[in-house]
């Protein structure tokens, strides 16, 4: 983040972008807006809001929703703001969370959802610990079972975006440094070829056909548990005329991967960097937190008035199930 300065900017030039601000549960609190409005009328000074400067003299709000709303209700045409320059949306989300020090704090549920979202977008465990001020074990519990976005995922998204804009496979391959065959594969997986063909006024059947050798290699990789992107990189470097050596590099990769699995098993069935197994007390707390988390999601969706009776009915059914289980049925 680069700070460009603090100055008065027009209120009507500030945009509130969906999904950028961190308050996913409480959103804007009416009472807080009125409290700030009354304080401003009495002459109270508030810290500057934070905005991300965009093109055409527009700004995206990063921090200060309640202060902005209060200023609008007072009819103010400008507001004091800290102007920042950010690399991308991911950095903007992180700054929005770390800037949330004025006014209402984030709830535990909001921290959990935000942590999960940032983890899936590729942030490392250590970064998440600093952002939210929570332990490594808590991060592992919150993100258990979630799939992270990798560099390959980002390249894939960009390639499909460019194809949808009308770029040829050759242009995309040259721009992103990937093969045309990889682009064809991504298009088939996303069911996008027909859409792209319409844009380019071409026939999807004209795409480069798959080599039988590649099909053979992909089948071998699936049986050995090797990621397909590794197969694609290996395939591109093969000498297609050397029939005896064509799969040797892939076999070596498979051997290394199997050795890695054996090392994992020797470490108690977990990667070397994973945290130690949880104690019974920690596991009990984790399971309870999981249950509360899902109950809160249900309540936020249908309202607490409907949710509480439903929870009580479910508890009665669980009691009946437990009785049956105790009798051995």
C-alpha atoms as a PDB file:
ATOM      1  CA  UNK A   1       0.000   0.000   0.000  1.00  0.00           C
ATOM      2  CA  UNK A   2       1.246   3.469  -0.913  1.00  0.00           C
ATOM      3  CA  UNK A   3      -0.237   6.529   0.842  1.00  0.00           C
ATOM      4  CA  UNK A   4      -0.708   9.409  -1.615  1.00  0.00           C
ATOM      5  CA  UNK A   5      -1.806  11.951   0.971  1.00  0.00           C
ATOM      6  CA  UNK A   6      -4.771  13.247   2.995  1.00  0.00           C
ATOM      7  CA  UNK A   7      -7.179  15.771   1.493  1.00  0.00           C
ATOM      8  CA  UNK A   8     -10.830  16.725   1.104  1.00  0.00           C
ATOM      9  CA  UNK A   9     -12.527  14.811  -1.724  1.00  0.00           C
ATOM     10  CA  UNK A  10     -16.087  14.999  -3.162  1.00  0.00           C
ATOM     11  CA  UNK A  11     -18.508  12.648  -1.423  1.00  0.00           C
ATOM     12  CA  UNK A  12     -20.259  11.833  -4.699  1.00  0.00           C
ATOM     13  CA  UNK A  13     -17.000  10.490  -6.163  1.00  0.00           C
ATOM     14  CA  UNK A  14     -16.717   7.700  -3.561  1.00  0.00           C
ATOM     15  CA  UNK A  15     -17.934   4.238  -4.595  1.00  0.00           C
ATOM     16  CA  UNK A  16     -18.842   1.418  -2.188  1.00  0.00           C
ATOM     17  CA  UNK A  17     -17.834  -1.823  -3.924  1.00  0.00           C
ATOM     18  CA  UNK A  18     -19.700  -5.042  -3.102  1.00  0.00           C
ATOM     19  CA  UNK A  19     -17.448  -7.597  -1.396  1.00  0.00           C
ATOM     20  CA  UNK A  20     -14.591  -5.200  -0.663  1.00  0.00           C
ATOM     21  CA  UNK A  21     -15.485  -4.012   2.848  1.00  0.00           C
ATOM     22  CA  UNK A  22     -14.985  -6.545   5.668  1.00  0.00           C
ATOM     23  CA  UNK A  23     -18.271  -6.238   7.564  1.00  0.00           C
ATOM     24  CA  UNK A  24     -20.077  -9.336   6.221  1.00  0.00           C
ATOM     25  CA  UNK A  25     -22.440  -9.848   9.162  1.00  0.00           C
ATOM     26  CA  UNK A  26     -23.347  -6.524  10.809  1.00  0.00           C
ATOM     27  CA  UNK A  27     -23.071  -4.298   7.690  1.00  0.00           C
ATOM     28  CA  UNK A  28     -23.971  -0.635   8.322  1.00  0.00           C
ATOM     29  CA  UNK A  29     -25.401  -0.030  11.805  1.00  0.00           C
ATOM     30  CA  UNK A  30     -28.060   2.704  11.809  1.00  0.00           C
ATOM     31  CA  UNK A  31     -27.473   3.662  15.441  1.00  0.00           C
ATOM     32  CA  UNK A  32     -23.765   4.204  14.807  1.00  0.00           C
ATOM     33  CA  UNK A  33     -24.451   6.428  11.783  1.00  0.00           C
ATOM     34  CA  UNK A  34     -26.798   8.602  13.851  1.00  0.00           C
ATOM     35  CA  UNK A  35     -24.276   8.734  16.704  1.00  0.00           C
ATOM     36  CA  UNK A  36     -21.565   9.986  14.337  1.00  0.00           C
ATOM     37  CA  UNK A  37     -23.958  12.455  12.705  1.00  0.00           C
ATOM     38  CA  UNK A  38     -24.863  14.030  16.060  1.00  0.00           C
ATOM     39  CA  UNK A  39     -21.208  14.203  17.084  1.00  0.00           C
ATOM     40  CA  UNK A  40     -20.279  15.898  13.793  1.00  0.00           C
ATOM     41  CA  UNK A  41     -23.057  18.450  14.305  1.00  0.00           C
ATOM     42  CA  UNK A  42     -21.506  19.293  17.681  1.00  0.00           C
ATOM     43  CA  UNK A  43     -18.117  19.861  16.035  1.00  0.00           C
ATOM     44  CA  UNK A  44     -16.360  16.579  16.830  1.00  0.00           C
ATOM     45  CA  UNK A  45     -13.389  15.697  14.609  1.00  0.00           C
ATOM     46  CA  UNK A  46     -13.144  12.181  13.173  1.00  0.00           C
ATOM     47  CA  UNK A  47     -10.134  10.412  11.622  1.00  0.00           C
ATOM     48  CA  UNK A  48     -10.035  10.549   7.808  1.00  0.00           C
ATOM     49  CA  UNK A  49     -11.729   7.733   5.932  1.00  0.00           C
ATOM     50  CA  UNK A  50      -9.517   5.628   3.620  1.00  0.00           C
ATOM     51  CA  UNK A  51     -10.143   5.394  -0.125  1.00  0.00           C
ATOM     52  CA  UNK A  52      -8.428   3.668  -3.050  1.00  0.00           C
ATOM     53  CA  UNK A  53      -7.828   6.139  -5.890  1.00  0.00           C
ATOM     54  CA  UNK A  54      -9.088   4.809  -9.215  1.00  0.00           C
ATOM     55  CA  UNK A  55      -9.229   6.231 -12.730  1.00  0.00           C
ATOM     56  CA  UNK A  56     -11.460   9.165 -13.734  1.00  0.00           C
ATOM     57  CA  UNK A  57     -11.097  10.821 -10.309  1.00  0.00           C
ATOM     58  CA  UNK A  58     -13.184   8.120  -8.619  1.00  0.00           C
ATOM     59  CA  UNK A  59     -12.440   6.493  -5.277  1.00  0.00           C
ATOM     60  CA  UNK A  60     -13.335   3.107  -3.780  1.00  0.00           C
ATOM     61  CA  UNK A  61     -14.083   3.123  -0.072  1.00  0.00           C
ATOM     62  CA  UNK A  62     -11.659   1.029   2.000  1.00  0.00           C
ATOM     63  CA  UNK A  63     -12.540   2.147   5.541  1.00  0.00           C
ATOM     64  CA  UNK A  64     -15.071   4.573   7.067  1.00  0.00           C
ATOM     65  CA  UNK A  65     -18.578   3.551   5.945  1.00  0.00           C
ATOM     66  CA  UNK A  66     -20.320   4.958   9.048  1.00  0.00           C
ATOM     67  CA  UNK A  67     -18.379   8.237   8.836  1.00  0.00           C
ATOM     68  CA  UNK A  68     -19.218   8.543   5.133  1.00  0.00           C
ATOM     69  CA  UNK A  69     -22.943   7.889   5.714  1.00  0.00           C
ATOM     70  CA  UNK A  70     -23.052  10.406   8.570  1.00  0.00           C
ATOM     71  CA  UNK A  71     -21.394  13.060   6.386  1.00  0.00           C
ATOM     72  CA  UNK A  72     -23.911  12.450   3.592  1.00  0.00           C
ATOM     73  CA  UNK A  73     -26.838  12.862   5.982  1.00  0.00           C
ATOM     74  CA  UNK A  74     -25.433  16.182   7.103  1.00  0.00           C
ATOM     75  CA  UNK A  75     -25.387  17.285   3.470  1.00  0.00           C
ATOM     76  CA  UNK A  76     -21.615  17.622   3.301  1.00  0.00           C
ATOM     77  CA  UNK A  77     -20.205  17.763  -0.209  1.00  0.00           C
ATOM     78  CA  UNK A  78     -16.655  16.755   0.761  1.00  0.00           C
ATOM     79  CA  UNK A  79     -14.973  14.563   3.369  1.00  0.00           C
ATOM     80  CA  UNK A  80     -11.399  14.285   4.605  1.00  0.00           C
ATOM     81  CA  UNK A  81      -9.833  11.091   3.249  1.00  0.00           C
ATOM     82  CA  UNK A  82      -6.548   9.237   3.237  1.00  0.00           C
ATOM     83  CA  UNK A  83      -5.821   8.439  -0.434  1.00  0.00           C
ATOM     84  CA  UNK A  84      -3.997   5.156  -1.031  1.00  0.00           C
ATOM     85  CA  UNK A  85      -2.681   3.298  -4.056  1.00  0.00           C
ATOM     86  CA  UNK A  86      -3.194  -0.485  -4.005  1.00  0.00           C
ATOM     87  CA  UNK A  87      -1.947  -3.313  -6.209  1.00  0.00           C
ATOM     88  CA  UNK A  88      -5.172  -5.289  -6.563  1.00  0.00           C
ATOM     89  CA  UNK A  89      -8.446  -6.341  -4.916  1.00  0.00           C
ATOM     90  CA  UNK A  90      -6.707  -8.831  -2.635  1.00  0.00           C
ATOM     91  CA  UNK A  91      -4.471  -6.143  -1.158  1.00  0.00           C
ATOM     92  CA  UNK A  92      -7.516  -3.855  -0.884  1.00  0.00           C
ATOM     93  CA  UNK A  93      -9.403  -6.476   1.163  1.00  0.00           C
ATOM     94  CA  UNK A  94      -6.439  -6.945   3.495  1.00  0.00           C
ATOM     95  CA  UNK A  95      -6.047  -3.181   4.033  1.00  0.00           C
ATOM     96  CA  UNK A  96      -9.799  -2.831   4.653  1.00  0.00           C
ATOM     97  CA  UNK A  97      -9.554  -5.430   7.438  1.00  0.00           C
ATOM     98  CA  UNK A  98      -6.419  -4.000   9.053  1.00  0.00           C
ATOM     99  CA  UNK A  99      -7.866  -0.459   8.892  1.00  0.00           C
ATOM    100  CA  UNK A 100     -10.968  -1.552  10.799  1.00  0.00           C
ATOM    101  CA  UNK A 101      -9.823  -0.048  14.107  1.00  0.00           C
ATOM    102  CA  UNK A 102     -12.348   2.805  14.413  1.00  0.00           C
ATOM    103  CA  UNK A 103     -15.938   2.256  15.493  1.00  0.00           C
ATOM    104  CA  UNK A 104     -17.455  -1.229  15.626  1.00  0.00           C
ATOM    105  CA  UNK A 105     -15.001  -4.178  15.805  1.00  0.00           C
ATOM    106  CA  UNK A 106     -15.434  -7.242  13.617  1.00  0.00           C
ATOM    107  CA  UNK A 107     -17.300 -10.140  15.195  1.00  0.00           C
ATOM    108  CA  UNK A 108     -15.686 -13.564  15.599  1.00  0.00           C
ATOM    109  CA  UNK A 109     -17.922 -14.908  12.852  1.00  0.00           C
ATOM    110  CA  UNK A 110     -16.871 -12.091  10.491  1.00  0.00           C
ATOM    111  CA  UNK A 111     -13.192 -12.760  11.222  1.00  0.00           C
ATOM    112  CA  UNK A 112     -13.710 -16.437  10.467  1.00  0.00           C
ATOM    113  CA  UNK A 113     -15.452 -15.839   7.127  1.00  0.00           C
ATOM    114  CA  UNK A 114     -12.878 -13.224   6.068  1.00  0.00           C
ATOM    115  CA  UNK A 115     -10.000 -15.497   7.061  1.00  0.00           C
ATOM    116  CA  UNK A 116     -11.468 -18.354   5.003  1.00  0.00           C
ATOM    117  CA  UNK A 117     -11.944 -16.088   1.974  1.00  0.00           C
ATOM    118  CA  UNK A 118      -8.382 -14.734   2.106  1.00  0.00           C
ATOM    119  CA  UNK A 119      -6.985 -18.246   2.572  1.00  0.00           C
ATOM    120  CA  UNK A 120      -8.815 -19.457  -0.550  1.00  0.00           C
ATOM    121  CA  UNK A 121      -7.449 -16.447  -2.452  1.00  0.00           C
ATOM    122  CA  UNK A 122      -3.896 -17.588  -1.672  1.00  0.00           C
ATOM    123  CA  UNK A 123      -2.700 -15.840   1.512  1.00  0.00           C
ATOM    124  CA  UNK A 124      -0.292 -17.841   3.667  1.00  0.00           C
ATOM    125  CA  UNK A 125      -1.043 -18.985   7.230  1.00  0.00           C
ATOM    126  CA  UNK A 126       1.568 -16.625   8.722  1.00  0.00           C
ATOM    127  CA  UNK A 127       0.036 -13.625   6.939  1.00  0.00           C
ATOM    128  CA  UNK A 128      -3.432 -14.521   8.206  1.00  0.00           C
ATOM    129  CA  UNK A 129      -2.124 -14.789  11.777  1.00  0.00           C
ATOM    130  CA  UNK A 130      -0.797 -11.202  11.568  1.00  0.00           C
ATOM    131  CA  UNK A 131      -3.946  -9.815   9.952  1.00  0.00           C
ATOM    132  CA  UNK A 132      -6.410 -11.287  12.471  1.00  0.00           C
ATOM    133  CA  UNK A 133      -4.192 -11.622  15.539  1.00  0.00           C
ATOM    134  CA  UNK A 134      -5.117 -15.268  16.117  1.00  0.00           C
ATOM    135  CA  UNK A 135      -3.148 -18.464  16.636  1.00  0.00           C
ATOM    136  CA  UNK A 136      -1.836 -20.800  13.952  1.00  0.00           C
ATOM    137  CA  UNK A 137      -3.999 -23.657  15.240  1.00  0.00           C
ATOM    138  CA  UNK A 138      -7.143 -21.515  14.975  1.00  0.00           C
ATOM    139  CA  UNK A 139      -6.276 -20.675  11.353  1.00  0.00           C
ATOM    140  CA  UNK A 140      -5.869 -24.386  10.599  1.00  0.00           C
ATOM    141  CA  UNK A 141      -9.259 -25.163  12.155  1.00  0.00           C
ATOM    142  CA  UNK A 142     -11.010 -22.349  10.299  1.00  0.00           C
ATOM    143  CA  UNK A 143      -9.510 -23.280   6.924  1.00  0.00           C
ATOM    144  CA  UNK A 144      -9.700 -27.060   7.222  1.00  0.00           C
ATOM    145  CA  UNK A 145     -10.877 -28.637   3.951  1.00  0.00           C
ATOM    146  CA  UNK A 146     -10.783 -25.382   1.946  1.00  0.00           C
ATOM    147  CA  UNK A 147      -9.081 -25.249  -1.444  1.00  0.00           C
ATOM    148  CA  UNK A 148      -6.613 -22.423  -2.018  1.00  0.00           C
ATOM    149  CA  UNK A 149      -6.227 -20.478  -5.233  1.00  0.00           C
ATOM    150  CA  UNK A 150      -2.823 -21.153  -6.768  1.00  0.00           C
ATOM    151  CA  UNK A 151      -0.743 -19.297  -9.331  1.00  0.00           C
ATOM    152  CA  UNK A 152      -2.007 -21.796 -11.928  1.00  0.00           C
ATOM    153  CA  UNK A 153      -5.611 -20.883 -11.027  1.00  0.00           C
ATOM    154  CA  UNK A 154      -4.851 -17.193 -11.603  1.00  0.00           C
ATOM    155  CA  UNK A 155      -3.239 -17.883 -14.981  1.00  0.00           C
ATOM    156  CA  UNK A 156      -6.206 -20.051 -15.964  1.00  0.00           C
ATOM    157  CA  UNK A 157      -8.698 -17.309 -15.030  1.00  0.00           C
ATOM    158  CA  UNK A 158      -6.718 -14.706 -16.977  1.00  0.00           C
ATOM    159  CA  UNK A 159      -6.451 -16.981 -20.022  1.00  0.00           C
ATOM    160  CA  UNK A 160     -10.214 -17.610 -20.106  1.00  0.00           C
ATOM    161  CA  UNK A 161     -10.890 -13.910 -19.608  1.00  0.00           C
ATOM    162  CA  UNK A 162      -8.650 -13.008 -22.557  1.00  0.00           C
ATOM    163  CA  UNK A 163     -10.229 -15.682 -24.762  1.00  0.00           C
ATOM    164  CA  UNK A 164     -13.658 -14.333 -23.893  1.00  0.00           C
ATOM    165  CA  UNK A 165     -12.474 -10.872 -24.978  1.00  0.00           C
ATOM    166  CA  UNK A 166     -11.575 -12.214 -28.423  1.00  0.00           C
ATOM    167  CA  UNK A 167      -7.853 -12.978 -28.164  1.00  0.00           C
ATOM    168  CA  UNK A 168      -6.620 -16.002 -30.124  1.00  0.00           C
ATOM    169  CA  UNK A 169      -4.992 -18.959 -28.401  1.00  0.00           C
ATOM    170  CA  UNK A 170      -1.655 -17.921 -29.893  1.00  0.00           C
ATOM    171  CA  UNK A 171      -1.947 -14.420 -28.412  1.00  0.00           C
ATOM    172  CA  UNK A 172      -2.960 -15.731 -24.976  1.00  0.00           C
ATOM    173  CA  UNK A 173      -0.165 -18.329 -24.984  1.00  0.00           C
ATOM    174  CA  UNK A 174       2.434 -15.697 -25.836  1.00  0.00           C
ATOM    175  CA  UNK A 175       1.120 -13.203 -23.263  1.00  0.00           C
ATOM    176  CA  UNK A 176       0.861 -15.644 -20.336  1.00  0.00           C
ATOM    177  CA  UNK A 177       3.636 -18.075 -21.195  1.00  0.00           C
ATOM    178  CA  UNK A 178       1.439 -21.188 -21.414  1.00  0.00           C
ATOM    179  CA  UNK A 179       0.798 -23.722 -24.169  1.00  0.00           C
ATOM    180  CA  UNK A 180      -2.153 -23.636 -26.574  1.00  0.00           C
ATOM    181  CA  UNK A 181      -3.006 -27.173 -25.476  1.00  0.00           C
ATOM    182  CA  UNK A 182      -3.324 -26.041 -21.846  1.00  0.00           C
ATOM    183  CA  UNK A 183      -5.648 -23.236 -22.959  1.00  0.00           C
ATOM    184  CA  UNK A 184      -7.798 -25.719 -24.920  1.00  0.00           C
ATOM    185  CA  UNK A 185      -8.025 -27.946 -21.841  1.00  0.00           C
ATOM    186  CA  UNK A 186      -9.111 -25.034 -19.609  1.00  0.00           C
ATOM    187  CA  UNK A 187     -11.774 -24.049 -22.130  1.00  0.00           C
ATOM    188  CA  UNK A 188     -13.203 -27.569 -22.215  1.00  0.00           C
ATOM    189  CA  UNK A 189     -13.279 -27.747 -18.411  1.00  0.00           C
ATOM    190  CA  UNK A 190     -15.077 -24.408 -18.152  1.00  0.00           C
ATOM    191  CA  UNK A 191     -17.450 -25.264 -21.055  1.00  0.00           C
ATOM    192  CA  UNK A 192     -16.372 -22.005 -22.653  1.00  0.00           C
ATOM    193  CA  UNK A 193     -15.264 -22.995 -26.206  1.00  0.00           C
ATOM    194  CA  UNK A 194     -18.671 -22.386 -27.795  1.00  0.00           C
ATOM    195  CA  UNK A 195     -18.890 -18.923 -26.240  1.00  0.00           C
ATOM    196  CA  UNK A 196     -15.380 -18.074 -27.400  1.00  0.00           C
ATOM    197  CA  UNK A 197     -16.092 -19.439 -30.887  1.00  0.00           C
ATOM    198  CA  UNK A 198     -19.162 -17.207 -31.136  1.00  0.00           C
ATOM    199  CA  UNK A 199     -17.027 -14.212 -30.197  1.00  0.00           C
ATOM    200  CA  UNK A 200     -14.392 -15.057 -32.806  1.00  0.00           C
ATOM    201  CA  UNK A 201     -16.880 -16.388 -35.391  1.00  0.00           C
ATOM    202  CA  UNK A 202     -14.978 -19.682 -35.609  1.00  0.00           C
ATOM    203  CA  UNK A 203     -15.851 -23.349 -35.268  1.00  0.00           C
ATOM    204  CA  UNK A 204     -14.949 -24.909 -31.858  1.00  0.00           C
ATOM    205  CA  UNK A 205     -14.082 -28.136 -33.654  1.00  0.00           C
ATOM    206  CA  UNK A 206     -11.136 -26.340 -35.264  1.00  0.00           C
ATOM    207  CA  UNK A 207      -9.243 -26.294 -31.951  1.00  0.00           C
ATOM    208  CA  UNK A 208      -5.994 -28.263 -31.885  1.00  0.00           C
ATOM    209  CA  UNK A 209      -6.766 -32.004 -31.328  1.00  0.00           C
ATOM    210  CA  UNK A 210      -5.242 -33.862 -28.398  1.00  0.00           C
ATOM    211  CA  UNK A 211      -2.219 -36.056 -29.034  1.00  0.00           C
ATOM    212  CA  UNK A 212      -2.841 -39.734 -28.112  1.00  0.00           C
ATOM    213  CA  UNK A 213       0.449 -39.550 -26.211  1.00  0.00           C
ATOM    214  CA  UNK A 214      -0.951 -36.799 -23.996  1.00  0.00           C
ATOM    215  CA  UNK A 215      -4.063 -38.870 -23.280  1.00  0.00           C
ATOM    216  CA  UNK A 216      -1.805 -41.755 -22.271  1.00  0.00           C
ATOM    217  CA  UNK A 217       0.263 -39.506 -20.015  1.00  0.00           C
ATOM    218  CA  UNK A 218      -2.793 -37.998 -18.333  1.00  0.00           C
ATOM    219  CA  UNK A 219      -4.158 -41.470 -17.621  1.00  0.00           C
ATOM    220  CA  UNK A 220      -0.822 -42.481 -16.110  1.00  0.00           C
ATOM    221  CA  UNK A 221      -0.781 -39.305 -13.999  1.00  0.00           C
ATOM    222  CA  UNK A 222      -4.304 -39.872 -12.643  1.00  0.00           C
ATOM    223  CA  UNK A 223      -3.335 -43.380 -11.516  1.00  0.00           C
ATOM    224  CA  UNK A 224      -0.213 -42.049  -9.793  1.00  0.00           C
ATOM    225  CA  UNK A 225      -1.858 -38.951  -8.303  1.00  0.00           C
ATOM    226  CA  UNK A 226       0.206 -36.414 -10.276  1.00  0.00           C
ATOM    227  CA  UNK A 227      -1.334 -32.941 -10.920  1.00  0.00           C
ATOM    228  CA  UNK A 228      -2.326 -32.348 -14.546  1.00  0.00           C
ATOM    229  CA  UNK A 229      -0.352 -29.094 -14.785  1.00  0.00           C
ATOM    230  CA  UNK A 230       2.819 -31.118 -14.124  1.00  0.00           C
ATOM    231  CA  UNK A 231       1.842 -33.464 -16.945  1.00  0.00           C
ATOM    232  CA  UNK A 232       1.323 -30.543 -19.338  1.00  0.00           C
ATOM    233  CA  UNK A 233       4.733 -29.055 -18.560  1.00  0.00           C
ATOM    234  CA  UNK A 234       6.380 -32.452 -18.965  1.00  0.00           C
ATOM    235  CA  UNK A 235       4.569 -33.122 -22.242  1.00  0.00           C
ATOM    236  CA  UNK A 236       5.672 -29.817 -23.737  1.00  0.00           C
ATOM    237  CA  UNK A 237       9.327 -30.681 -23.063  1.00  0.00           C
ATOM    238  CA  UNK A 238       9.183 -34.218 -24.491  1.00  0.00           C
ATOM    239  CA  UNK A 239      10.873 -35.304 -27.686  1.00  0.00           C
ATOM    240  CA  UNK A 240       7.842 -36.674 -29.520  1.00  0.00           C
ATOM    241  CA  UNK A 241      10.015 -38.746 -31.881  1.00  0.00           C
ATOM    242  CA  UNK A 242      11.701 -40.725 -29.102  1.00  0.00           C
ATOM    243  CA  UNK A 243       9.179 -43.514 -28.429  1.00  0.00           C
ATOM    244  CA  UNK A 244      11.286 -45.320 -25.813  1.00  0.00           C
ATOM    245  CA  UNK A 245      11.952 -42.277 -23.606  1.00  0.00           C
ATOM    246  CA  UNK A 246       8.676 -40.390 -23.971  1.00  0.00           C
ATOM    247  CA  UNK A 247       7.321 -41.273 -20.507  1.00  0.00           C
ATOM    248  CA  UNK A 248      10.601 -41.531 -18.577  1.00  0.00           C
ATOM    249  CA  UNK A 249      10.444 -38.001 -17.157  1.00  0.00           C
ATOM    250  CA  UNK A 250       6.865 -38.492 -16.058  1.00  0.00           C
ATOM    251  CA  UNK A 251       7.775 -41.803 -14.399  1.00  0.00           C
ATOM    252  CA  UNK A 252      10.529 -40.023 -12.466  1.00  0.00           C
ATOM    253  CA  UNK A 253       8.032 -37.435 -11.266  1.00  0.00           C
ATOM    254  CA  UNK A 254       5.722 -40.252 -10.147  1.00  0.00           C
ATOM    255  CA  UNK A 255       8.598 -41.871  -8.239  1.00  0.00           C
ATOM    256  CA  UNK A 256       9.395 -38.607  -6.442  1.00  0.00           C
ATOM    257  CA  UNK A 257       5.756 -38.052  -5.572  1.00  0.00           C
ATOM    258  CA  UNK A 258       5.412 -41.571  -4.127  1.00  0.00           C
ATOM    259  CA  UNK A 259       8.537 -40.989  -2.030  1.00  0.00           C
ATOM    260  CA  UNK A 260       6.907 -37.817  -0.720  1.00  0.00           C
ATOM    261  CA  UNK A 261       3.812 -39.780   0.280  1.00  0.00           C
ATOM    262  CA  UNK A 262       5.978 -42.296   2.140  1.00  0.00           C
ATOM    263  CA  UNK A 263       7.684 -39.439   3.997  1.00  0.00           C
ATOM    264  CA  UNK A 264       4.271 -38.063   4.902  1.00  0.00           C
ATOM    265  CA  UNK A 265       3.228 -41.439   6.343  1.00  0.00           C
ATOM    266  CA  UNK A 266       6.435 -41.575   8.413  1.00  0.00           C
ATOM    267  CA  UNK A 267       5.442 -38.244   9.968  1.00  0.00           C
ATOM    268  CA  UNK A 268       2.263 -39.590  11.502  1.00  0.00           C
ATOM    269  CA  UNK A 269       0.224 -39.264   8.306  1.00  0.00           C
ATOM    270  CA  UNK A 270       0.586 -35.484   8.073  1.00  0.00           C
ATOM    271  CA  UNK A 271       2.891 -33.094   6.165  1.00  0.00           C
ATOM    272  CA  UNK A 272       5.974 -31.911   8.150  1.00  0.00           C
ATOM    273  CA  UNK A 273       4.590 -28.358   8.437  1.00  0.00           C
ATOM    274  CA  UNK A 274       1.181 -29.368   9.777  1.00  0.00           C
ATOM    275  CA  UNK A 275       0.422 -28.610  13.448  1.00  0.00           C
ATOM    276  CA  UNK A 276       0.555 -31.485  15.961  1.00  0.00           C
ATOM    277  CA  UNK A 277      -2.655 -33.481  16.547  1.00  0.00           C
ATOM    278  CA  UNK A 278      -5.180 -31.691  18.721  1.00  0.00           C
ATOM    279  CA  UNK A 279      -5.848 -32.786  22.299  1.00  0.00           C
ATOM    280  CA  UNK A 280      -9.268 -34.185  23.257  1.00  0.00           C
ATOM    281  CA  UNK A 281     -10.170 -30.828  24.799  1.00  0.00           C
ATOM    282  CA  UNK A 282      -9.104 -28.907  21.672  1.00  0.00           C
ATOM    283  CA  UNK A 283     -10.970 -31.318  19.419  1.00  0.00           C
ATOM    284  CA  UNK A 284     -14.112 -30.974  21.548  1.00  0.00           C
ATOM    285  CA  UNK A 285     -13.881 -27.166  21.321  1.00  0.00           C
ATOM    286  CA  UNK A 286     -13.320 -27.330  17.550  1.00  0.00           C
ATOM    287  CA  UNK A 287     -16.378 -29.524  17.031  1.00  0.00           C
ATOM    288  CA  UNK A 288     -18.486 -27.270  19.238  1.00  0.00           C
ATOM    289  CA  UNK A 289     -17.313 -24.182  17.320  1.00  0.00           C
ATOM    290  CA  UNK A 290     -18.181 -25.919  14.031  1.00  0.00           C
ATOM    291  CA  UNK A 291     -21.683 -26.656  15.315  1.00  0.00           C
ATOM    292  CA  UNK A 292     -22.193 -23.077  16.537  1.00  0.00           C
ATOM    293  CA  UNK A 293     -20.853 -21.732  13.242  1.00  0.00           C
ATOM    294  CA  UNK A 294     -23.397 -23.671  11.166  1.00  0.00           C
ATOM    295  CA  UNK A 295     -26.250 -22.825  13.561  1.00  0.00           C
ATOM    296  CA  UNK A 296     -25.371 -19.119  13.286  1.00  0.00           C
ATOM    297  CA  UNK A 297     -25.395 -19.365   9.480  1.00  0.00           C
ATOM    298  CA  UNK A 298     -28.876 -20.893   9.583  1.00  0.00           C
ATOM    299  CA  UNK A 299     -30.114 -18.266  12.028  1.00  0.00           C
ATOM    300  CA  UNK A 300     -28.729 -15.398   9.936  1.00  0.00           C
ATOM    301  CA  UNK A 301     -30.453 -16.841   6.890  1.00  0.00           C
ATOM    302  CA  UNK A 302     -33.942 -17.502   8.302  1.00  0.00           C
ATOM    303  CA  UNK A 303     -33.936 -15.324  11.428  1.00  0.00           C
ATOM    304  CA  UNK A 304     -33.507 -16.246  15.076  1.00  0.00           C
ATOM    305  CA  UNK A 305     -37.267 -16.393  15.685  1.00  0.00           C
ATOM    306  CA  UNK A 306     -37.613 -19.337  13.292  1.00  0.00           C
ATOM    307  CA  UNK A 307     -34.209 -20.848  14.000  1.00  0.00           C
ATOM    308  CA  UNK A 308     -34.463 -21.376  17.780  1.00  0.00           C
ATOM    309  CA  UNK A 309     -37.605 -23.605  17.672  1.00  0.00           C
ATOM    310  CA  UNK A 310     -36.009 -25.570  14.827  1.00  0.00           C
ATOM    311  CA  UNK A 311     -32.851 -26.122  16.908  1.00  0.00           C
ATOM    312  CA  UNK A 312     -34.977 -27.357  19.838  1.00  0.00           C
ATOM    313  CA  UNK A 313     -36.833 -29.817  17.580  1.00  0.00           C
ATOM    314  CA  UNK A 314     -33.532 -31.069  16.187  1.00  0.00           C
ATOM    315  CA  UNK A 315     -32.190 -31.556  19.736  1.00  0.00           C
ATOM    316  CA  UNK A 316     -35.213 -33.689  20.633  1.00  0.00           C
ATOM    317  CA  UNK A 317     -34.680 -35.842  17.541  1.00  0.00           C
ATOM    318  CA  UNK A 318     -31.005 -36.277  18.442  1.00  0.00           C
ATOM    319  CA  UNK A 319     -32.001 -37.407  21.947  1.00  0.00           C
ATOM    320  CA  UNK A 320     -34.291 -40.042  20.435  1.00  0.00           C
ATOM    321  CA  UNK A 321     -31.541 -41.214  18.100  1.00  0.00           C
ATOM    322  CA  UNK A 322     -29.134 -41.507  21.036  1.00  0.00           C
ATOM    323  CA  UNK A 323     -31.633 -43.690  22.933  1.00  0.00           C
ATOM    324  CA  UNK A 324     -31.896 -46.030  19.964  1.00  0.00           C
ATOM    325  CA  UNK A 325     -28.114 -46.169  19.666  1.00  0.00           C
ATOM    326  CA  UNK A 326     -27.721 -47.062  23.357  1.00  0.00           C
ATOM    327  CA  UNK A 327     -30.084 -50.028  22.919  1.00  0.00           C
ATOM    328  CA  UNK A 328     -27.881 -51.288  20.113  1.00  0.00           C
ATOM    329  CA  UNK A 329     -30.514 -51.001  17.382  1.00  0.00           C
END
